[in-house]
C-alpha atoms as a PDB file:
ATOM      1  CA  MET A   1     107.650  81.938 129.989  1.00  0.00           C
ATOM      2  CA  ARG A   2     104.274  80.336 130.711  1.00  0.00           C
ATOM      3  CA  TYR A   3     103.035  83.377 132.592  1.00  0.00           C
ATOM      4  CA  ALA A   4     105.109  86.419 129.944  1.00  0.00           C
ATOM      5  CA  GLY A   5     102.554  89.395 128.965  1.00  0.00           C
ATOM      6  CA  LEU A   6     101.676  92.934 128.845  1.00  0.00           C
ATOM      7  CA  ASP A   7     100.462  93.208 132.169  1.00  0.00           C
ATOM      8  CA  THR A   8     103.104  93.918 135.610  1.00  0.00           C
ATOM      9  CA  ILE A   9     103.180  90.162 136.362  1.00  0.00           C
ATOM     10  CA  GLY A  10     103.473  89.122 132.481  1.00  0.00           C
ATOM     11  CA  ARG A  11     106.307  91.809 132.143  1.00  0.00           C
ATOM     12  CA  LEU A  12     108.060  91.086 135.131  1.00  0.00           C
ATOM     13  CA  ALA A  13     108.234  86.833 134.474  1.00  0.00           C
ATOM     14  CA  THR A  14     109.327  87.676 131.287  1.00  0.00           C
ATOM     15  CA  ARG A  15     111.870  89.747 132.596  1.00  0.00           C
ATOM     16  CA  LEU A  16     113.125  87.006 134.871  1.00  0.00           C
ATOM     17  CA  ALA A  17     112.794  83.987 131.574  1.00  0.00           C
ATOM     18  CA  VAL A  18     115.493  86.240 129.971  1.00  0.00           C
ATOM     19  CA  VAL A  19     118.159  86.213 131.998  1.00  0.00           C
ATOM     20  CA  PHE A  20     119.374  83.504 131.578  1.00  0.00           C
ATOM     21  CA  ALA A  21     119.405  83.570 127.581  1.00  0.00           C
ATOM     22  CA  ARG A  22     121.134  84.576 124.882  1.00  0.00           C
ATOM     23  CA  PRO A  23     120.555  87.937 123.212  1.00  0.00           C
ATOM     24  CA  HIS A  24     118.671  89.277 119.792  1.00  0.00           C
ATOM     25  CA  LYS A  25     117.467  86.357 117.806  1.00  0.00           C
ATOM     26  CA  ALA A  26     118.773  83.689 120.197  1.00  0.00           C
ATOM     27  CA  ARG A  27     115.546  84.171 121.955  1.00  0.00           C
ATOM     28  CA  VAL A  28     113.229  83.850 119.488  1.00  0.00           C
ATOM     29  CA  TYR A  29     112.619  80.304 120.821  1.00  0.00           C
ATOM     30  CA  LEU A  30     110.959  82.260 123.748  1.00  0.00           C
ATOM     31  CA  ALA A  31     108.038  83.371 121.395  1.00  0.00           C
ATOM     32  CA  ARG A  32     107.024  80.021 120.934  1.00  0.00           C
ATOM     33  CA  MET A  33     107.007  78.848 124.549  1.00  0.00           C
ATOM     34  CA  ASN A  34     103.674  80.609 125.006  1.00  0.00           C
ATOM     35  CA  PRO A  35     101.128  82.031 122.572  1.00  0.00           C
ATOM     36  CA  LYS A  36     101.452  85.172 124.396  1.00  0.00           C
ATOM     37  CA  GLY A  37     104.720  85.179 122.607  1.00  0.00           C
ATOM     38  CA  TYR A  38     107.986  87.436 123.662  1.00  0.00           C
ATOM     39  CA  ILE A  39     107.837  90.592 124.363  1.00  0.00           C
ATOM     40  CA  SER A  40     111.299  91.983 125.663  1.00  0.00           C
ATOM     41  CA  PRO A  41     111.421  94.009 129.031  1.00  0.00           C
ATOM     42  CA  SER A  42     112.404  97.275 127.203  1.00  0.00           C
ATOM     43  CA  ALA A  43     110.240  97.300 124.517  1.00  0.00           C
ATOM     44  CA  ILE A  44     107.855 100.349 124.567  1.00  0.00           C
ATOM     45  CA  ILE A  45     103.698  99.587 123.820  1.00  0.00           C
ATOM     46  CA  TYR A  46     102.175 103.280 123.781  1.00  0.00           C
ATOM     47  CA  HIS A  47      98.979 101.768 122.117  1.00  0.00           C
ATOM     48  CA  GLN A  48      95.611 101.734 123.047  1.00  0.00           C
ATOM     49  CA  GLN A  49      94.543  99.293 120.134  1.00  0.00           C
ATOM     50  CA  LEU A  50      97.527  96.749 119.778  1.00  0.00           C
ATOM     51  CA  CYS A  51      96.268  93.298 118.723  1.00  0.00           C
ATOM     52  CA  LEU A  52      98.591  90.331 119.245  1.00  0.00           C
ATOM     53  CA  GLY A  53      98.764  87.116 117.651  1.00  0.00           C
ATOM     54  CA  ALA A  54      99.902  84.527 118.567  1.00  0.00           C
ATOM     55  CA  ASN A  55     104.118  83.615 119.560  1.00  0.00           C
ATOM     56  CA  VAL A  56     104.833  86.903 118.020  1.00  0.00           C
ATOM     57  CA  PHE A  57     108.547  87.747 119.358  1.00  0.00           C
ATOM     58  CA  MET A  58     109.228  91.905 119.719  1.00  0.00           C
ATOM     59  CA  ASP A  59     112.829  92.303 120.757  1.00  0.00           C
ATOM     60  CA  ASP A  60     114.766  94.769 122.677  1.00  0.00           C
ATOM     61  CA  ARG A  61     113.776  98.510 122.472  1.00  0.00           C
ATOM     62  CA  VAL A  62     111.015  98.103 120.180  1.00  0.00           C
ATOM     63  CA  VAL A  63     108.552 101.238 120.081  1.00  0.00           C
ATOM     64  CA  ILE A  64     104.990 100.596 119.448  1.00  0.00           C
ATOM     65  CA  PHE A  65     103.108 103.979 119.579  1.00  0.00           C
ATOM     66  CA  GLN A  66     100.001 105.695 119.275  1.00  0.00           C
ATOM     67  CA  ARG A  67      99.826 109.391 118.578  1.00  0.00           C
ATOM     68  CA  GLU A  68      96.582 110.975 118.055  1.00  0.00           C
ATOM     69  CA  GLY A  69      93.716 109.985 116.082  1.00  0.00           C
ATOM     70  CA  GLY A  70      96.120 106.648 115.421  1.00  0.00           C
ATOM     71  CA  GLY A  71      94.090 103.331 114.270  1.00  0.00           C
ATOM     72  CA  PRO A  72      94.893 100.148 115.570  1.00  0.00           C
ATOM     73  CA  ILE A  73      98.019  97.878 114.884  1.00  0.00           C
ATOM     74  CA  GLU A  74      97.162  94.198 113.975  1.00  0.00           C
ATOM     75  CA  ILE A  75     100.056  91.371 114.305  1.00  0.00           C
ATOM     76  CA  GLY A  76      99.504  88.188 112.870  1.00  0.00           C
ATOM     77  CA  ASP A  77     100.641  85.581 114.486  1.00  0.00           C
ATOM     78  CA  ARG A  78     104.533  84.402 114.542  1.00  0.00           C
ATOM     79  CA  VAL A  79     105.415  87.927 113.616  1.00  0.00           C
ATOM     80  CA  TYR A  80     108.974  88.667 114.285  1.00  0.00           C
ATOM     81  CA  ILE A  81     109.867  92.771 114.912  1.00  0.00           C
ATOM     82  CA  TYR A  82     113.886  92.631 115.624  1.00  0.00           C
ATOM     83  CA  ARG A  83     115.360  95.546 118.147  1.00  0.00           C
ATOM     84  CA  ASP A  84     115.213  99.282 117.561  1.00  0.00           C
ATOM     85  CA  VAL A  85     112.406  98.933 115.453  1.00  0.00           C
ATOM     86  CA  ILE A  86     109.276 101.711 115.633  1.00  0.00           C
ATOM     87  CA  VAL A  87     106.161 101.314 114.856  1.00  0.00           C
ATOM     88  CA  GLU A  88     103.570 104.143 114.555  1.00  0.00           C
ATOM     89  CA  THR A  89     100.090 104.969 114.096  1.00  0.00           C
ATOM     90  CA  GLY A  90      98.263 108.616 114.065  1.00  0.00           C
ATOM     91  CA  TYR A  91      95.696 111.351 112.362  1.00  0.00           C
ATOM     92  CA  GLY A  92      93.377 108.062 110.868  1.00  0.00           C
ATOM     93  CA  GLY A  93      96.061 105.434 109.893  1.00  0.00           C
ATOM     94  CA  PHE A  94      96.348 102.360 110.745  1.00  0.00           C
ATOM     95  CA  PHE A  95      98.762  99.212 110.750  1.00  0.00           C
ATOM     96  CA  THR A  96      98.241  95.784 109.722  1.00  0.00           C
ATOM     97  CA  ILE A  97     100.889  93.014 109.621  1.00  0.00           C
ATOM     98  CA  ALA A  98      99.990  88.738 108.593  1.00  0.00           C
ATOM     99  CA  ASN A  99     101.764  85.866 109.772  1.00  0.00           C
ATOM    100  CA  ASP A 100     104.950  84.716 109.523  1.00  0.00           C
ATOM    101  CA  ALA A 101     106.120  88.713 108.244  1.00  0.00           C
ATOM    102  CA  SER A 102     109.361  90.291 110.102  1.00  0.00           C
ATOM    103  CA  ILE A 103     110.531  93.391 110.530  1.00  0.00           C
ATOM    104  CA  HIS A 104     114.551  93.377 111.141  1.00  0.00           C
ATOM    105  CA  PRO A 105     116.379  96.135 112.994  1.00  0.00           C
ATOM    106  CA  ARG A 106     115.674  99.744 113.226  1.00  0.00           C
ATOM    107  CA  CYS A 107     112.724 100.571 110.960  1.00  0.00           C
ATOM    108  CA  GLN A 108     110.518 102.901 110.934  1.00  0.00           C
ATOM    109  CA  LEU A 109     106.911 102.490 110.034  1.00  0.00           C
ATOM    110  CA  ASN A 110     104.896 105.357 110.192  1.00  0.00           C
ATOM    111  CA  ALA A 111     101.268 104.320 109.016  1.00  0.00           C
ATOM    112  CA  TYR A 112      99.703 108.226 108.963  1.00  0.00           C
ATOM    113  CA  VAL A 113      96.635 109.512 107.709  1.00  0.00           C
ATOM    114  CA  SER A 114      96.805 106.072 105.264  1.00  0.00           C
ATOM    115  CA  PRO A 115      97.034 102.295 106.433  1.00  0.00           C
ATOM    116  CA  ILE A 116     100.124 100.240 105.870  1.00  0.00           C
ATOM    117  CA  ARG A 117      99.465  96.815 105.369  1.00  0.00           C
ATOM    118  CA  ILE A 118     101.981  94.068 105.368  1.00  0.00           C
ATOM    119  CA  GLY A 119     101.064  90.676 104.009  1.00  0.00           C
ATOM    120  CA  SER A 120     102.031  87.346 105.251  1.00  0.00           C
ATOM    121  CA  GLY A 121     105.805  85.796 105.047  1.00  0.00           C
ATOM    122  CA  VAL A 122     107.058  89.529 103.903  1.00  0.00           C
ATOM    123  CA  MET A 123     110.848  90.008 105.166  1.00  0.00           C
ATOM    124  CA  ILE A 124     111.523  93.811 105.434  1.00  0.00           C
ATOM    125  CA  ALA A 125     115.889  93.877 106.041  1.00  0.00           C
ATOM    126  CA  PRO A 126     117.488  96.519 108.800  1.00  0.00           C
ATOM    127  CA  ASN A 127     116.870 100.629 108.790  1.00  0.00           C
ATOM    128  CA  CYS A 128     113.931 100.347 106.102  1.00  0.00           C
ATOM    129  CA  ALA A 129     111.137 103.792 106.622  1.00  0.00           C
ATOM    130  CA  PHE A 130     107.581 103.392 105.293  1.00  0.00           C
ATOM    131  CA  TYR A 131     105.835 106.117 105.152  1.00  0.00           C
ATOM    132  CA  SER A 132     101.983 106.549 104.183  1.00  0.00           C
ATOM    133  CA  TYR A 133     101.967 110.585 104.642  1.00  0.00           C
ATOM    134  CA  ASP A 134     103.860 113.730 103.938  1.00  0.00           C
ATOM    135  CA  HIS A 135     104.058 116.721 104.551  1.00  0.00           C
ATOM    136  CA  GLY A 136     102.329 119.728 102.278  1.00  0.00           C
ATOM    137  CA  VAL A 137     104.978 121.972 100.530  1.00  0.00           C
ATOM    138  CA  ALA A 138     103.020 125.163  99.798  1.00  0.00           C
ATOM    139  CA  PRO A 139     104.539 127.733  99.224  1.00  0.00           C
ATOM    140  CA  ASN A 140     104.283 130.920 101.850  1.00  0.00           C
ATOM    141  CA  GLN A 141     103.724 128.581 105.008  1.00  0.00           C
ATOM    142  CA  ALA A 142     105.943 127.567 107.237  1.00  0.00           C
ATOM    143  CA  ILE A 143     106.290 123.227 105.871  1.00  0.00           C
ATOM    144  CA  ARG A 144     105.627 121.936 110.097  1.00  0.00           C
ATOM    145  CA  GLU A 145     101.904 124.170 109.248  1.00  0.00           C
ATOM    146  CA  GLN A 146     100.720 122.428 107.423  1.00  0.00           C
ATOM    147  CA  PRO A 147      98.816 119.170 106.774  1.00  0.00           C
ATOM    148  CA  LEU A 148      99.765 116.095 106.395  1.00  0.00           C
ATOM    149  CA  GLN A 149      99.005 114.610 102.854  1.00  0.00           C
ATOM    150  CA  SER A 150      99.045 111.205 101.519  1.00  0.00           C
ATOM    151  CA  LYS A 151      98.427 109.300  98.138  1.00  0.00           C
ATOM    152  CA  GLY A 152      96.970 106.165  99.552  1.00  0.00           C
ATOM    153  CA  GLU A 153      97.848 102.853 101.460  1.00  0.00           C
ATOM    154  CA  ILE A 154     100.908 101.242 101.766  1.00  0.00           C
ATOM    155  CA  VAL A 155     100.162  97.631 100.871  1.00  0.00           C
ATOM    156  CA  VAL A 156     102.971  95.067 100.387  1.00  0.00           C
ATOM    157  CA  GLY A 157     101.839  91.558  99.308  1.00  0.00           C
ATOM    158  CA  ASP A 158     102.882  87.657 100.089  1.00  0.00           C
ATOM    159  CA  ASN A 159     106.171  86.474 100.188  1.00  0.00           C
ATOM    160  CA  ALA A 160     107.875  89.825  99.056  1.00  0.00           C
ATOM    161  CA  TRP A 161     111.198  91.064 100.624  1.00  0.00           C
ATOM    162  CA  ILE A 162     112.200  94.959 101.515  1.00  0.00           C
ATOM    163  CA  GLY A 163     116.324  94.579 101.189  1.00  0.00           C
ATOM    164  CA  VAL A 164     118.305  97.301 103.778  1.00  0.00           C
ATOM    165  CA  GLY A 165     117.760 100.278 103.645  1.00  0.00           C
ATOM    166  CA  ALA A 166     114.412 100.839 101.043  1.00  0.00           C
ATOM    167  CA  ILE A 167     112.380 103.873 101.648  1.00  0.00           C
ATOM    168  CA  VAL A 168     108.410 102.941 100.695  1.00  0.00           C
ATOM    169  CA  LEU A 169     106.361 105.776 100.085  1.00  0.00           C
ATOM    170  CA  SER A 170     102.715 106.430 100.626  1.00  0.00           C
ATOM    171  CA  GLY A 171     100.770 105.268  97.407  1.00  0.00           C
ATOM    172  CA  VAL A 172     102.130 101.946  96.308  1.00  0.00           C
ATOM    173  CA  ARG A 173     101.677  98.341  95.952  1.00  0.00           C
ATOM    174  CA  ILE A 174     103.709  96.469  96.072  1.00  0.00           C
ATOM    175  CA  GLY A 175     103.026  93.171  94.839  1.00  0.00           C
ATOM    176  CA  SER A 176     103.499  89.127  95.866  1.00  0.00           C
ATOM    177  CA  GLY A 177     106.794  87.504  95.503  1.00  0.00           C
ATOM    178  CA  ALA A 178     108.369  91.234  94.968  1.00  0.00           C
ATOM    179  CA  ALA A 179     112.238  91.765  95.694  1.00  0.00           C
ATOM    180  CA  ILE A 180     112.364  95.342  95.853  1.00  0.00           C
ATOM    181  CA  ALA A 181     116.660  96.181  95.879  1.00  0.00           C
ATOM    182  CA  ALA A 182     118.919  97.636  99.423  1.00  0.00           C
ATOM    183  CA  GLY A 183     118.818 101.465  99.254  1.00  0.00           C
ATOM    184  CA  ALA A 184     116.115 101.874  96.465  1.00  0.00           C
ATOM    185  CA  VAL A 185     113.310 104.265  97.270  1.00  0.00           C
ATOM    186  CA  VAL A 186     109.497 102.926  95.976  1.00  0.00           C
ATOM    187  CA  THR A 187     107.098 105.535  94.960  1.00  0.00           C
ATOM    188  CA  ARG A 188     105.354 103.424  92.681  1.00  0.00           C
ATOM    189  CA  ASP A 189     103.504  99.838  91.772  1.00  0.00           C
ATOM    190  CA  ILE A 190     105.978  97.016  91.695  1.00  0.00           C
ATOM    191  CA  PRO A 191     104.605  94.048  90.255  1.00  0.00           C
ATOM    192  CA  ASP A 192     104.305  90.635  91.746  1.00  0.00           C
ATOM    193  CA  ASN A 193     107.036  88.726  91.710  1.00  0.00           C
ATOM    194  CA  ALA A 194     109.489  91.531  90.421  1.00  0.00           C
ATOM    195  CA  ILE A 195     112.795  92.634  91.542  1.00  0.00           C
ATOM    196  CA  ALA A 196     113.082  96.458  91.517  1.00  0.00           C
ATOM    197  CA  ALA A 197     116.170  98.767  92.144  1.00  0.00           C
ATOM    198  CA  GLY A 198     117.008 102.090  91.888  1.00  0.00           C
ATOM    199  CA  MET A 199     115.751 106.237  92.520  1.00  0.00           C
ATOM    200  CA  PRO A 200     112.857 105.969  92.440  1.00  0.00           C
ATOM    201  CA  ALA A 201     112.650 102.244  92.251  1.00  0.00           C
ATOM    202  CA  ARG A 202     112.141 100.119  89.053  1.00  0.00           C
ATOM    203  CA  VAL A 203     111.676  96.960  87.661  1.00  0.00           C
ATOM    204  CA  VAL A 204     114.801  95.493  86.301  1.00  0.00           C
ATOM    205  CA  LYS A 205     113.992  91.998  86.194  1.00  0.00           C
ATOM    206  CA  MET A 206     111.370  89.311  86.975  1.00  0.00           C
ATOM    207  CA  ARG A 207     111.811  86.611  89.120  1.00  0.00           C
ATOM    208  CA  ASP A 208     110.831  84.102  86.136  1.00  0.00           C
ATOM    209  CA  GLN A 209     113.212  85.413  84.122  1.00  0.00           C
ATOM    210  CA  LEU A 210     116.459  84.686  86.754  1.00  0.00           C
END
């Protein structure tokens, strides 16, 4: 792992390092062995403005993709991105995720038009979707021909938890320490330390009331 990295030699070194390593989360320790972290040999990096912090873990089949006009992707220290996650930027949007956050399998995060900002220590459970844009739906024109639009950036405060299968749409701030229930659709701001559930998500309790 001392030779691991995103260049050709680094990718080859990583491939050799995982020959005898157990799969999935059992490989997290590899990211701690080198400040350049662990990027799975099967991860697809197609992004010219990717900035990686120290000891990042990027699991099998993660896709980092830059579409036309896409801004940077900045990944903080000790961020864990598990298998089959897709992170995209395009059309002026950008993506940041701060230290010690984690994105679990099969999440889709599309920062188009407006940015997505994920705070430190945030936990995003499997199968979540973040879209900082929407399609126009004006009449008398095919939806696919209409320009993308957005209500604003998505911001997730430090140490929030996003439950399995939650969807977060543009123009939303999820407060620090908030918990979003499984399957919720977040279309409005959620305060700090709130617990929100439903479609659309509404505050059902505050954590200090538990």
